[in-house]
Amino acid sequence: MSILNKALIGALTAVVAFGTLAGQAIARDSDGEVFVQNLANEATMVLSDGSLSPDQVANQFQTVITENTALRQFGRSALGPYSRVVTDDEFDQYIELLEQYAASVIRSRFDEYSGEQIQVKDSSVDDRENYSWVSVNSDVMSQGGEYIAGVQWTLIRRDGAYRVYDITLQAPAEEGTFSLLQTQREEFGSIIANNGDSVGPLLGYLRDRIREAGMAPAN
């Protein structure tokens, strides 16, 4: 299993342990850090519940994603320049499928999770007029205390509520960084560009991936 896969699974399913950096003076958002902790705990509880059937796991984890992710903002950004040509009906179908696709990807990789933990280090806030960007920085650590990767959670805070917008991973054994948003933008953009700049084939691609995961597409 690649280090980035281990880091991704750790980031989304590990129990979060808070840490501090001695001597560091930085404006933190403690509520944002707690949000990350609660999200990791909730995902872990669903994915490790042996009493649930695979379908129940998929449905409950999809709910976790839906309730805690800025999915419409993420989804529109993932379309890149094609967000200007997608119809309202296509976009609604796309968001429904994206919920299932995200759940199926994490579900399919859960067997790679082997007890990694997230250690939250600090956070920072960029306030805008009606919302704020919150960055929560953390490390993925192995059970033996070995550093695996750095993880930056980009959250949108609006009216006191937090939603995940992007997760960026950086591992010492991998070149560069791994942004979920950037990765999906490149993948989705390639599919659309190779099919006459039409969004329809992307919807078909998502449906196929969802079926391969043993789930029925929402539309």
N, C-alpha and C. Protein backbone atom coordinates (compact mmCIF):
# COMPACT_ATOMS: atom_id res chain seq x y z
N MET A 1 0.85 -1.19 0.00
CA MET A 1 0.00 0.00 0.00
C MET A 1 0.89 1.24 0.00
N SER A 2 0.55 2.23 -0.82
CA SER A 2 1.36 3.43 -0.89
C SER A 2 1.21 4.27 0.37
N ILE A 3 2.21 5.10 0.61
CA ILE A 3 2.17 5.99 1.78
C ILE A 3 0.99 6.95 1.68
N LEU A 4 0.70 7.44 0.47
CA LEU A 4 -0.42 8.37 0.32
C LEU A 4 -1.75 7.68 0.60
N ASN A 5 -1.89 6.42 0.20
CA ASN A 5 -3.12 5.70 0.53
C ASN A 5 -3.25 5.51 2.02
N LYS A 6 -2.14 5.16 2.70
CA LYS A 6 -2.18 5.01 4.15
C LYS A 6 -2.54 6.33 4.81
N ALA A 7 -1.97 7.41 4.30
CA ALA A 7 -2.25 8.72 4.87
C ALA A 7 -3.70 9.11 4.68
N LEU A 8 -4.24 8.83 3.48
CA LEU A 8 -5.64 9.16 3.22
C LEU A 8 -6.56 8.40 4.13
N ILE A 9 -6.34 7.09 4.27
CA ILE A 9 -7.19 6.30 5.14
C ILE A 9 -7.04 6.76 6.58
N GLY A 10 -5.80 7.05 6.99
CA GLY A 10 -5.60 7.55 8.35
C GLY A 10 -6.31 8.86 8.59
N ALA A 11 -6.25 9.74 7.59
CA ALA A 11 -6.87 11.05 7.74
C ALA A 11 -8.37 10.97 7.88
N LEU A 12 -8.98 10.03 7.18
CA LEU A 12 -10.43 9.96 7.18
C LEU A 12 -11.01 9.00 8.20
N THR A 13 -10.20 8.11 8.77
CA THR A 13 -10.77 7.11 9.66
C THR A 13 -10.09 6.97 11.00
N ALA A 14 -8.99 7.68 11.25
CA ALA A 14 -8.27 7.50 12.50
C ALA A 14 -8.87 8.33 13.62
N VAL A 15 -8.65 7.92 14.86
CA VAL A 15 -9.03 8.71 16.02
C VAL A 15 -8.00 9.82 16.17
N VAL A 16 -8.47 11.05 16.34
CA VAL A 16 -7.58 12.19 16.39
C VAL A 16 -7.04 12.40 17.79
N ALA A 17 -5.73 12.60 17.89
CA ALA A 17 -5.09 12.90 19.17
C ALA A 17 -4.51 14.30 19.08
N PHE A 18 -4.86 15.16 20.01
CA PHE A 18 -4.38 16.54 19.96
C PHE A 18 -2.95 16.62 20.45
N GLY A 19 -2.17 17.49 19.77
CA GLY A 19 -0.80 17.73 20.17
C GLY A 19 -0.55 19.23 20.21
N THR A 20 0.58 19.65 20.73
CA THR A 20 0.94 21.05 20.79
C THR A 20 2.35 21.22 20.27
N LEU A 21 2.64 22.40 19.76
CA LEU A 21 3.97 22.73 19.30
C LEU A 21 4.56 23.77 20.25
N ALA A 22 5.59 23.39 20.96
CA ALA A 22 6.16 24.27 21.98
C ALA A 22 6.68 25.55 21.33
N GLY A 23 6.36 26.67 21.96
CA GLY A 23 6.89 27.94 21.55
C GLY A 23 6.23 28.52 20.31
N GLN A 24 5.23 27.87 19.76
CA GLN A 24 4.61 28.36 18.54
C GLN A 24 3.45 29.28 18.87
N ALA A 25 3.49 30.48 18.32
CA ALA A 25 2.42 31.45 18.53
C ALA A 25 1.63 31.56 17.23
N ILE A 26 0.44 31.03 17.22
CA ILE A 26 -0.36 31.03 16.01
C ILE A 26 -1.83 31.12 16.40
N ALA A 27 -2.59 31.91 15.64
CA ALA A 27 -4.03 32.00 15.89
C ALA A 27 -4.66 30.68 15.52
N ARG A 28 -5.34 30.06 16.47
CA ARG A 28 -5.93 28.75 16.26
C ARG A 28 -7.44 28.84 16.29
N ASP A 29 -8.05 27.86 15.69
CA ASP A 29 -9.50 27.72 15.72
C ASP A 29 -9.78 26.39 16.41
N SER A 30 -9.99 26.45 17.72
CA SER A 30 -10.16 25.21 18.48
C SER A 30 -11.42 24.47 18.06
N ASP A 31 -12.47 25.20 17.69
CA ASP A 31 -13.69 24.54 17.25
C ASP A 31 -13.46 23.78 15.94
N GLY A 32 -12.65 24.35 15.06
CA GLY A 32 -12.32 23.66 13.82
C GLY A 32 -11.54 22.39 14.08
N GLU A 33 -10.63 22.42 15.06
CA GLU A 33 -9.87 21.24 15.42
C GLU A 33 -10.78 20.16 16.00
N VAL A 34 -11.73 20.58 16.83
CA VAL A 34 -12.69 19.62 17.40
C VAL A 34 -13.55 19.02 16.29
N PHE A 35 -13.92 19.84 15.30
CA PHE A 35 -14.69 19.33 14.17
C PHE A 35 -13.95 18.20 13.47
N VAL A 36 -12.65 18.39 13.23
CA VAL A 36 -11.85 17.35 12.58
C VAL A 36 -11.82 16.09 13.45
N GLN A 37 -11.65 16.28 14.76
CA GLN A 37 -11.64 15.13 15.66
C GLN A 37 -12.96 14.36 15.60
N ASN A 38 -14.05 15.08 15.70
CA ASN A 38 -15.36 14.41 15.70
C ASN A 38 -15.63 13.70 14.38
N LEU A 39 -15.21 14.32 13.28
CA LEU A 39 -15.41 13.69 11.98
C LEU A 39 -14.64 12.38 11.89
N ALA A 40 -13.39 12.39 12.33
CA ALA A 40 -12.58 11.17 12.29
C ALA A 40 -13.17 10.10 13.20
N ASN A 41 -13.62 10.50 14.38
CA ASN A 41 -14.22 9.53 15.30
C ASN A 41 -15.48 8.91 14.72
N GLU A 42 -16.32 9.75 14.12
CA GLU A 42 -17.59 9.25 13.57
C GLU A 42 -17.34 8.30 12.41
N ALA A 43 -16.39 8.66 11.53
CA ALA A 43 -16.08 7.79 10.40
C ALA A 43 -15.52 6.46 10.88
N THR A 44 -14.65 6.50 11.89
CA THR A 44 -14.07 5.28 12.43
C THR A 44 -15.15 4.38 12.99
N MET A 45 -16.09 4.96 13.73
CA MET A 45 -17.15 4.19 14.38
C MET A 45 -18.00 3.46 13.34
N VAL A 46 -18.34 4.15 12.24
CA VAL A 46 -19.16 3.53 11.20
C VAL A 46 -18.39 2.42 10.49
N LEU A 47 -17.16 2.72 10.08
CA LEU A 47 -16.42 1.79 9.25
C LEU A 47 -15.90 0.57 10.01
N SER A 48 -15.83 0.68 11.33
CA SER A 48 -15.31 -0.45 12.12
C SER A 48 -16.41 -1.20 12.86
N ASP A 49 -17.68 -0.87 12.61
CA ASP A 49 -18.79 -1.52 13.30
C ASP A 49 -19.09 -2.86 12.63
N GLY A 50 -18.67 -3.93 13.26
CA GLY A 50 -18.84 -5.26 12.69
C GLY A 50 -20.28 -5.72 12.64
N SER A 51 -21.19 -5.01 13.32
CA SER A 51 -22.59 -5.42 13.32
C SER A 51 -23.34 -4.92 12.09
N LEU A 52 -22.71 -4.05 11.30
CA LEU A 52 -23.37 -3.47 10.13
C LEU A 52 -23.07 -4.29 8.89
N SER A 53 -24.06 -4.40 8.02
CA SER A 53 -23.85 -5.04 6.73
C SER A 53 -23.08 -4.07 5.82
N PRO A 54 -22.49 -4.58 4.72
CA PRO A 54 -21.79 -3.67 3.80
C PRO A 54 -22.67 -2.54 3.30
N ASP A 55 -23.94 -2.84 3.00
CA ASP A 55 -24.84 -1.79 2.53
C ASP A 55 -25.11 -0.76 3.62
N GLN A 56 -25.25 -1.21 4.86
CA GLN A 56 -25.46 -0.27 5.97
C GLN A 56 -24.24 0.60 6.19
N VAL A 57 -23.05 0.00 6.08
CA VAL A 57 -21.82 0.78 6.21
C VAL A 57 -21.77 1.86 5.13
N ALA A 58 -22.05 1.47 3.89
CA ALA A 58 -22.01 2.42 2.78
C ALA A 58 -23.01 3.55 2.99
N ASN A 59 -24.23 3.21 3.39
CA ASN A 59 -25.26 4.23 3.58
C ASN A 59 -24.92 5.18 4.72
N GLN A 60 -24.45 4.62 5.84
CA GLN A 60 -24.12 5.47 6.99
C GLN A 60 -22.90 6.33 6.71
N PHE A 61 -21.92 5.76 6.01
CA PHE A 61 -20.73 6.55 5.72
C PHE A 61 -21.05 7.65 4.72
N GLN A 62 -21.94 7.36 3.78
CA GLN A 62 -22.37 8.39 2.85
C GLN A 62 -23.03 9.54 3.60
N THR A 63 -23.81 9.22 4.64
CA THR A 63 -24.43 10.27 5.46
C THR A 63 -23.38 11.11 6.15
N VAL A 64 -22.32 10.47 6.67
CA VAL A 64 -21.23 11.21 7.32
C VAL A 64 -20.61 12.19 6.33
N ILE A 65 -20.35 11.73 5.12
CA ILE A 65 -19.75 12.59 4.11
C ILE A 65 -20.68 13.76 3.77
N THR A 66 -21.95 13.44 3.55
CA THR A 66 -22.92 14.47 3.17
C THR A 66 -23.04 15.56 4.23
N GLU A 67 -23.07 15.14 5.49
CA GLU A 67 -23.29 16.09 6.58
C GLU A 67 -22.06 16.92 6.92
N ASN A 68 -20.88 16.45 6.54
CA ASN A 68 -19.66 17.11 7.00
C ASN A 68 -18.78 17.69 5.89
N THR A 69 -19.22 17.57 4.65
CA THR A 69 -18.43 18.05 3.52
C THR A 69 -19.19 19.15 2.78
N ALA A 70 -18.45 20.17 2.34
CA ALA A 70 -19.03 21.21 1.49
C ALA A 70 -19.09 20.66 0.08
N LEU A 71 -19.97 19.67 -0.13
CA LEU A 71 -19.92 18.86 -1.33
C LEU A 71 -20.27 19.64 -2.59
N ARG A 72 -21.23 20.54 -2.50
CA ARG A 72 -21.59 21.31 -3.70
C ARG A 72 -20.45 22.24 -4.10
N GLN A 73 -19.80 22.87 -3.11
CA GLN A 73 -18.66 23.73 -3.43
C GLN A 73 -17.49 22.91 -3.97
N PHE A 74 -17.21 21.76 -3.30
CA PHE A 74 -16.14 20.89 -3.75
C PHE A 74 -16.44 20.39 -5.17
N GLY A 75 -17.70 19.94 -5.36
CA GLY A 75 -18.07 19.39 -6.66
C GLY A 75 -17.95 20.39 -7.79
N ARG A 76 -18.38 21.62 -7.55
CA ARG A 76 -18.28 22.63 -8.59
C ARG A 76 -16.82 22.95 -8.88
N SER A 77 -16.00 23.05 -7.84
CA SER A 77 -14.58 23.32 -8.06
C SER A 77 -13.91 22.18 -8.80
N ALA A 78 -14.34 20.94 -8.52
CA ALA A 78 -13.75 19.77 -9.17
C ALA A 78 -14.06 19.73 -10.66
N LEU A 79 -15.10 20.43 -11.10
CA LEU A 79 -15.41 20.50 -12.53
C LEU A 79 -14.51 21.48 -13.26
N GLY A 80 -13.79 22.32 -12.52
CA GLY A 80 -12.91 23.28 -13.15
C GLY A 80 -13.66 24.18 -14.11
N PRO A 81 -13.10 24.41 -15.31
CA PRO A 81 -13.76 25.31 -16.27
C PRO A 81 -15.10 24.78 -16.76
N TYR A 82 -15.33 23.48 -16.60
CA TYR A 82 -16.59 22.90 -17.08
C TYR A 82 -17.76 23.22 -16.15
N SER A 83 -17.49 23.84 -15.00
CA SER A 83 -18.58 24.26 -14.13
C SER A 83 -19.42 25.34 -14.79
N ARG A 84 -18.87 25.98 -15.84
CA ARG A 84 -19.61 27.04 -16.52
C ARG A 84 -20.56 26.49 -17.58
N VAL A 85 -20.39 25.22 -17.93
CA VAL A 85 -21.23 24.67 -19.01
C VAL A 85 -22.19 23.59 -18.51
N VAL A 86 -22.00 23.11 -17.28
CA VAL A 86 -22.88 22.07 -16.75
C VAL A 86 -24.28 22.66 -16.53
N THR A 87 -25.31 21.92 -16.90
CA THR A 87 -26.67 22.39 -16.68
C THR A 87 -27.07 22.16 -15.22
N ASP A 88 -28.13 22.82 -14.78
CA ASP A 88 -28.59 22.63 -13.41
C ASP A 88 -28.97 21.18 -13.15
N ASP A 89 -29.64 20.56 -14.11
CA ASP A 89 -30.05 19.16 -13.93
C ASP A 89 -28.83 18.24 -13.87
N GLU A 90 -27.86 18.46 -14.75
CA GLU A 90 -26.63 17.66 -14.72
C GLU A 90 -25.89 17.84 -13.40
N PHE A 91 -25.86 19.07 -12.91
CA PHE A 91 -25.13 19.33 -11.66
C PHE A 91 -25.80 18.63 -10.49
N ASP A 92 -27.13 18.65 -10.43
CA ASP A 92 -27.83 17.97 -9.34
C ASP A 92 -27.57 16.46 -9.39
N GLN A 93 -27.59 15.88 -10.59
CA GLN A 93 -27.28 14.46 -10.73
C GLN A 93 -25.84 14.17 -10.30
N TYR A 94 -24.94 15.03 -10.74
CA TYR A 94 -23.52 14.91 -10.43
C TYR A 94 -23.26 14.93 -8.93
N ILE A 95 -23.90 15.82 -8.20
CA ILE A 95 -23.69 15.91 -6.75
C ILE A 95 -24.20 14.66 -6.05
N GLU A 96 -25.36 14.15 -6.48
CA GLU A 96 -25.87 12.91 -5.90
C GLU A 96 -24.89 11.76 -6.12
N LEU A 97 -24.37 11.67 -7.33
CA LEU A 97 -23.42 10.60 -7.64
C LEU A 97 -22.09 10.80 -6.92
N LEU A 98 -21.68 12.05 -6.78
CA LEU A 98 -20.41 12.34 -6.11
C LEU A 98 -20.45 11.91 -4.65
N GLU A 99 -21.59 12.07 -3.99
CA GLU A 99 -21.74 11.59 -2.62
C GLU A 99 -21.45 10.09 -2.54
N GLN A 100 -22.08 9.34 -3.44
CA GLN A 100 -21.90 7.89 -3.45
C GLN A 100 -20.49 7.51 -3.85
N TYR A 101 -19.94 8.20 -4.82
CA TYR A 101 -18.59 7.90 -5.30
C TYR A 101 -17.57 8.07 -4.18
N ALA A 102 -17.68 9.18 -3.45
CA ALA A 102 -16.74 9.43 -2.35
C ALA A 102 -16.85 8.34 -1.29
N ALA A 103 -18.08 7.95 -0.95
CA ALA A 103 -18.27 6.90 0.04
C ALA A 103 -17.70 5.57 -0.44
N SER A 104 -17.88 5.27 -1.74
CA SER A 104 -17.41 3.99 -2.26
C SER A 104 -15.89 3.93 -2.30
N VAL A 105 -15.24 5.06 -2.59
CA VAL A 105 -13.77 5.08 -2.62
C VAL A 105 -13.19 4.79 -1.24
N ILE A 106 -13.72 5.48 -0.22
CA ILE A 106 -13.20 5.26 1.12
C ILE A 106 -13.53 3.86 1.60
N ARG A 107 -14.73 3.40 1.30
CA ARG A 107 -15.13 2.05 1.71
C ARG A 107 -14.20 1.00 1.09
N SER A 108 -13.86 1.17 -0.19
CA SER A 108 -13.03 0.19 -0.88
C SER A 108 -11.61 0.17 -0.35
N ARG A 109 -11.18 1.29 0.26
CA ARG A 109 -9.81 1.37 0.76
C ARG A 109 -9.70 1.14 2.27
N PHE A 110 -10.83 0.90 2.91
CA PHE A 110 -10.79 0.79 4.37
C PHE A 110 -9.93 -0.37 4.83
N ASP A 111 -9.84 -1.46 4.03
CA ASP A 111 -9.04 -2.60 4.46
C ASP A 111 -7.55 -2.27 4.49
N GLU A 112 -7.17 -1.10 3.94
CA GLU A 112 -5.78 -0.67 4.00
C GLU A 112 -5.46 0.05 5.31
N TYR A 113 -6.48 0.43 6.04
CA TYR A 113 -6.27 1.14 7.30
C TYR A 113 -5.71 0.20 8.35
N SER A 114 -4.63 0.60 9.01
CA SER A 114 -4.00 -0.28 9.99
C SER A 114 -3.65 0.47 11.27
N GLY A 115 -4.55 1.31 11.71
CA GLY A 115 -4.39 1.95 13.02
C GLY A 115 -3.65 3.26 13.01
N GLU A 116 -3.49 3.90 11.84
CA GLU A 116 -2.84 5.21 11.83
C GLU A 116 -3.66 6.22 12.64
N GLN A 117 -2.98 7.18 13.22
CA GLN A 117 -3.65 8.21 14.00
C GLN A 117 -3.28 9.58 13.46
N ILE A 118 -4.18 10.53 13.67
CA ILE A 118 -3.96 11.91 13.30
C ILE A 118 -3.60 12.71 14.55
N GLN A 119 -2.52 13.46 14.47
CA GLN A 119 -2.14 14.35 15.57
C GLN A 119 -2.31 15.79 15.09
N VAL A 120 -3.33 16.46 15.60
CA VAL A 120 -3.60 17.84 15.22
C VAL A 120 -2.56 18.75 15.87
N LYS A 121 -1.97 19.62 15.06
CA LYS A 121 -0.90 20.50 15.55
C LYS A 121 -1.37 21.93 15.77
N ASP A 122 -2.03 22.50 14.80
CA ASP A 122 -2.44 23.89 14.89
C ASP A 122 -3.48 24.18 13.82
N SER A 123 -3.97 25.38 13.85
CA SER A 123 -4.94 25.80 12.84
C SER A 123 -4.81 27.30 12.61
N SER A 124 -5.33 27.77 11.50
CA SER A 124 -5.31 29.20 11.20
C SER A 124 -6.60 29.56 10.49
N VAL A 125 -6.92 30.85 10.50
CA VAL A 125 -8.20 31.32 9.98
C VAL A 125 -7.98 32.47 9.01
N ASP A 126 -8.69 32.42 7.90
CA ASP A 126 -8.71 33.51 6.92
C ASP A 126 -10.16 33.97 6.80
N ASP A 127 -10.49 35.06 7.49
CA ASP A 127 -11.87 35.55 7.52
C ASP A 127 -12.22 36.30 6.25
N ARG A 128 -13.39 35.99 5.70
CA ARG A 128 -13.94 36.71 4.56
C ARG A 128 -15.21 37.43 5.02
N GLU A 129 -15.94 38.00 4.09
CA GLU A 129 -17.11 38.81 4.47
C GLU A 129 -18.21 37.97 5.11
N ASN A 130 -18.55 36.85 4.50
CA ASN A 130 -19.67 36.04 4.99
C ASN A 130 -19.28 34.65 5.44
N TYR A 131 -18.00 34.33 5.37
CA TYR A 131 -17.53 33.01 5.77
C TYR A 131 -16.04 33.09 6.07
N SER A 132 -15.47 31.99 6.53
CA SER A 132 -14.04 31.92 6.81
C SER A 132 -13.46 30.62 6.27
N TRP A 133 -12.22 30.71 5.80
CA TRP A 133 -11.45 29.51 5.50
C TRP A 133 -10.67 29.13 6.74
N VAL A 134 -10.75 27.89 7.16
CA VAL A 134 -10.00 27.42 8.32
C VAL A 134 -9.10 26.29 7.88
N SER A 135 -7.81 26.41 8.16
CA SER A 135 -6.85 25.35 7.85
C SER A 135 -6.43 24.67 9.14
N VAL A 136 -6.64 23.36 9.21
CA VAL A 136 -6.22 22.57 10.37
C VAL A 136 -5.07 21.69 9.92
N ASN A 137 -3.92 21.88 10.53
CA ASN A 137 -2.72 21.12 10.18
C ASN A 137 -2.52 19.96 11.14
N SER A 138 -2.16 18.81 10.58
CA SER A 138 -2.02 17.62 11.40
C SER A 138 -0.98 16.69 10.78
N ASP A 139 -0.58 15.70 11.56
CA ASP A 139 0.34 14.67 11.08
C ASP A 139 -0.34 13.31 11.17
N VAL A 140 -0.07 12.45 10.19
CA VAL A 140 -0.49 11.06 10.26
C VAL A 140 0.65 10.27 10.88
N MET A 141 0.35 9.56 11.97
CA MET A 141 1.36 8.79 12.69
C MET A 141 0.98 7.31 12.70
N SER A 142 1.98 6.45 12.57
CA SER A 142 1.73 5.01 12.66
C SER A 142 1.48 4.63 14.11
N GLN A 143 1.03 3.39 14.32
CA GLN A 143 0.83 2.91 15.68
C GLN A 143 2.11 2.95 16.49
N GLY A 144 3.25 2.81 15.79
CA GLY A 144 4.54 2.83 16.48
C GLY A 144 5.11 4.22 16.65
N GLY A 145 4.35 5.25 16.28
CA GLY A 145 4.81 6.63 16.45
C GLY A 145 5.63 7.16 15.31
N GLU A 146 5.65 6.46 14.17
CA GLU A 146 6.42 6.91 13.01
C GLU A 146 5.61 7.90 12.19
N TYR A 147 6.27 8.99 11.81
CA TYR A 147 5.60 10.00 10.98
C TYR A 147 5.40 9.43 9.58
N ILE A 148 4.16 9.53 9.07
CA ILE A 148 3.84 9.04 7.74
C ILE A 148 3.63 10.18 6.76
N ALA A 149 2.86 11.18 7.16
CA ALA A 149 2.54 12.27 6.24
C ALA A 149 1.97 13.45 7.01
N GLY A 150 2.03 14.60 6.37
CA GLY A 150 1.34 15.77 6.88
C GLY A 150 -0.01 15.89 6.21
N VAL A 151 -1.00 16.36 6.95
CA VAL A 151 -2.35 16.52 6.42
C VAL A 151 -2.85 17.91 6.74
N GLN A 152 -3.30 18.62 5.72
CA GLN A 152 -3.95 19.91 5.93
C GLN A 152 -5.42 19.79 5.54
N TRP A 153 -6.28 20.08 6.50
CA TRP A 153 -7.72 20.07 6.27
C TRP A 153 -8.16 21.49 5.97
N THR A 154 -8.75 21.73 4.83
CA THR A 154 -9.31 23.03 4.50
C THR A 154 -10.80 23.00 4.77
N LEU A 155 -11.23 23.81 5.72
CA LEU A 155 -12.64 23.85 6.13
C LEU A 155 -13.26 25.18 5.72
N ILE A 156 -14.55 25.15 5.46
CA ILE A 156 -15.34 26.37 5.30
C ILE A 156 -16.16 26.54 6.57
N ARG A 157 -16.01 27.70 7.22
CA ARG A 157 -16.82 27.99 8.41
C ARG A 157 -17.80 29.10 8.05
N ARG A 158 -19.08 28.79 8.20
CA ARG A 158 -20.13 29.78 7.92
C ARG A 158 -21.20 29.68 9.00
N ASP A 159 -21.50 30.80 9.65
CA ASP A 159 -22.51 30.83 10.72
C ASP A 159 -22.20 29.80 11.81
N GLY A 160 -20.93 29.64 12.11
CA GLY A 160 -20.50 28.75 13.19
C GLY A 160 -20.44 27.28 12.82
N ALA A 161 -20.82 26.93 11.58
CA ALA A 161 -20.81 25.54 11.13
C ALA A 161 -19.60 25.30 10.24
N TYR A 162 -19.02 24.10 10.33
CA TYR A 162 -17.83 23.74 9.57
C TYR A 162 -18.16 22.65 8.57
N ARG A 163 -17.51 22.74 7.39
CA ARG A 163 -17.60 21.69 6.39
C ARG A 163 -16.22 21.52 5.76
N VAL A 164 -15.87 20.28 5.45
CA VAL A 164 -14.59 20.01 4.79
C VAL A 164 -14.69 20.40 3.32
N TYR A 165 -13.72 21.18 2.85
CA TYR A 165 -13.66 21.57 1.44
C TYR A 165 -12.57 20.80 0.70
N ASP A 166 -11.45 20.55 1.35
CA ASP A 166 -10.36 19.82 0.71
C ASP A 166 -9.46 19.22 1.77
N ILE A 167 -8.75 18.16 1.39
CA ILE A 167 -7.73 17.54 2.23
C ILE A 167 -6.47 17.43 1.40
N THR A 168 -5.36 17.97 1.90
CA THR A 168 -4.09 17.92 1.19
C THR A 168 -3.09 17.12 2.01
N LEU A 169 -2.45 16.15 1.37
CA LEU A 169 -1.48 15.28 2.02
C LEU A 169 -0.09 15.54 1.47
N GLN A 170 0.93 15.45 2.33
CA GLN A 170 2.31 15.55 1.89
C GLN A 170 3.12 14.50 2.63
N ALA A 171 3.70 13.56 1.89
CA ALA A 171 4.46 12.47 2.49
C ALA A 171 5.92 12.58 2.05
N PRO A 172 6.85 12.33 2.96
CA PRO A 172 8.27 12.47 2.62
C PRO A 172 8.74 11.53 1.52
N ALA A 173 8.09 10.37 1.37
CA ALA A 173 8.51 9.40 0.37
C ALA A 173 7.83 9.62 -0.98
N GLU A 174 6.95 10.62 -1.06
CA GLU A 174 6.24 10.91 -2.30
C GLU A 174 6.64 12.29 -2.79
N GLU A 175 6.60 12.49 -4.09
CA GLU A 175 6.98 13.77 -4.65
C GLU A 175 5.79 14.71 -4.66
N GLY A 176 5.94 15.90 -4.11
CA GLY A 176 4.88 16.89 -4.12
C GLY A 176 3.79 16.61 -3.11
N THR A 177 2.62 17.15 -3.38
CA THR A 177 1.48 17.01 -2.48
C THR A 177 0.34 16.31 -3.20
N PHE A 178 -0.62 15.86 -2.41
CA PHE A 178 -1.78 15.14 -2.94
C PHE A 178 -3.03 15.82 -2.42
N SER A 179 -3.68 16.59 -3.28
CA SER A 179 -4.91 17.29 -2.92
C SER A 179 -6.08 16.53 -3.50
N LEU A 180 -7.05 16.19 -2.66
CA LEU A 180 -8.23 15.50 -3.15
C LEU A 180 -8.93 16.32 -4.23
N LEU A 181 -9.05 17.63 -4.00
CA LEU A 181 -9.73 18.48 -4.96
C LEU A 181 -8.99 18.53 -6.28
N GLN A 182 -7.68 18.75 -6.23
CA GLN A 182 -6.90 18.85 -7.45
C GLN A 182 -6.90 17.53 -8.22
N THR A 183 -6.82 16.42 -7.48
CA THR A 183 -6.83 15.11 -8.13
C THR A 183 -8.14 14.87 -8.87
N GLN A 184 -9.27 15.18 -8.21
CA GLN A 184 -10.57 14.98 -8.86
C GLN A 184 -10.76 15.96 -10.01
N ARG A 185 -10.25 17.17 -9.89
CA ARG A 185 -10.37 18.15 -10.98
C ARG A 185 -9.65 17.64 -12.22
N GLU A 186 -8.46 17.08 -12.04
CA GLU A 186 -7.70 16.56 -13.18
C GLU A 186 -8.39 15.34 -13.79
N GLU A 187 -8.87 14.44 -12.93
CA GLU A 187 -9.53 13.23 -13.42
C GLU A 187 -10.82 13.56 -14.16
N PHE A 188 -11.67 14.37 -13.52
CA PHE A 188 -12.96 14.69 -14.12
C PHE A 188 -12.78 15.53 -15.39
N GLY A 189 -11.83 16.47 -15.35
CA GLY A 189 -11.59 17.32 -16.51
C GLY A 189 -11.13 16.51 -17.71
N SER A 190 -10.30 15.49 -17.46
CA SER A 190 -9.82 14.64 -18.55
C SER A 190 -10.97 13.86 -19.17
N ILE A 191 -11.86 13.34 -18.35
CA ILE A 191 -13.01 12.58 -18.86
C ILE A 191 -13.89 13.47 -19.73
N ILE A 192 -14.18 14.68 -19.25
CA ILE A 192 -15.04 15.59 -19.99
C ILE A 192 -14.37 16.02 -21.30
N ALA A 193 -13.09 16.38 -21.22
CA ALA A 193 -12.36 16.85 -22.41
C ALA A 193 -12.27 15.77 -23.48
N ASN A 194 -12.13 14.52 -23.06
CA ASN A 194 -12.01 13.42 -24.02
C ASN A 194 -13.35 12.96 -24.57
N ASN A 195 -14.43 13.60 -24.14
CA ASN A 195 -15.76 13.24 -24.61
C ASN A 195 -16.52 14.46 -25.11
N GLY A 196 -15.80 15.26 -25.90
CA GLY A 196 -16.45 16.39 -26.56
C GLY A 196 -16.88 17.49 -25.63
N ASP A 197 -16.21 17.65 -24.50
CA ASP A 197 -16.54 18.69 -23.52
C ASP A 197 -17.96 18.53 -22.98
N SER A 198 -18.43 17.28 -22.92
CA SER A 198 -19.76 17.00 -22.40
C SER A 198 -19.67 16.41 -21.00
N VAL A 199 -20.56 16.87 -20.12
CA VAL A 199 -20.56 16.38 -18.74
C VAL A 199 -21.23 15.02 -18.63
N GLY A 200 -22.09 14.67 -19.58
CA GLY A 200 -22.81 13.41 -19.53
C GLY A 200 -21.93 12.18 -19.32
N PRO A 201 -20.82 12.04 -20.07
CA PRO A 201 -19.95 10.89 -19.87
C PRO A 201 -19.33 10.82 -18.47
N LEU A 202 -19.13 11.96 -17.82
CA LEU A 202 -18.63 11.94 -16.45
C LEU A 202 -19.67 11.31 -15.53
N LEU A 203 -20.94 11.63 -15.75
CA LEU A 203 -21.99 11.02 -14.94
C LEU A 203 -22.00 9.51 -15.14
N GLY A 204 -21.81 9.07 -16.38
CA GLY A 204 -21.75 7.64 -16.65
C GLY A 204 -20.55 7.00 -15.99
N TYR A 205 -19.42 7.68 -15.99
CA TYR A 205 -18.22 7.18 -15.33
C TYR A 205 -18.46 6.99 -13.84
N LEU A 206 -19.08 7.97 -13.19
CA LEU A 206 -19.36 7.86 -11.76
C LEU A 206 -20.31 6.71 -11.48
N ARG A 207 -21.32 6.55 -12.31
CA ARG A 207 -22.26 5.44 -12.12
C ARG A 207 -21.54 4.09 -12.22
N ASP A 208 -20.62 3.98 -13.19
CA ASP A 208 -19.88 2.73 -13.35
C ASP A 208 -19.01 2.43 -12.13
N ARG A 209 -18.35 3.45 -11.61
CA ARG A 209 -17.48 3.24 -10.44
C ARG A 209 -18.32 2.86 -9.21
N ILE A 210 -19.50 3.45 -9.09
CA ILE A 210 -20.38 3.15 -7.96
C ILE A 210 -20.87 1.70 -8.06
N ARG A 211 -21.24 1.26 -9.27
CA ARG A 211 -21.68 -0.12 -9.46
C ARG A 211 -20.55 -1.10 -9.15
N GLU A 212 -19.33 -0.75 -9.55
CA GLU A 212 -18.19 -1.63 -9.29
C GLU A 212 -17.96 -1.81 -7.79
N ALA A 213 -18.38 -0.81 -7.01
CA ALA A 213 -18.24 -0.89 -5.56
C ALA A 213 -19.41 -1.65 -4.91
N GLY A 214 -20.31 -2.17 -5.75
CA GLY A 214 -21.44 -2.95 -5.23
C GLY A 214 -22.60 -2.11 -4.76
N MET A 215 -22.69 -0.85 -5.24
CA MET A 215 -23.76 0.04 -4.85
C MET A 215 -24.61 0.37 -6.06
N ALA A 216 -25.87 0.75 -5.82
CA ALA A 216 -26.77 1.17 -6.89
C ALA A 216 -26.70 2.68 -7.03
N PRO A 217 -26.38 3.20 -8.23
CA PRO A 217 -26.32 4.65 -8.42
C PRO A 217 -27.64 5.33 -8.06
N ALA A 218 -27.53 6.52 -7.53
CA ALA A 218 -28.71 7.25 -7.06
C ALA A 218 -29.59 7.70 -8.23
N ASN A 219 -29.01 7.86 -9.41
CA ASN A 219 -29.81 8.30 -10.54
C ASN A 219 -29.26 7.70 -11.84
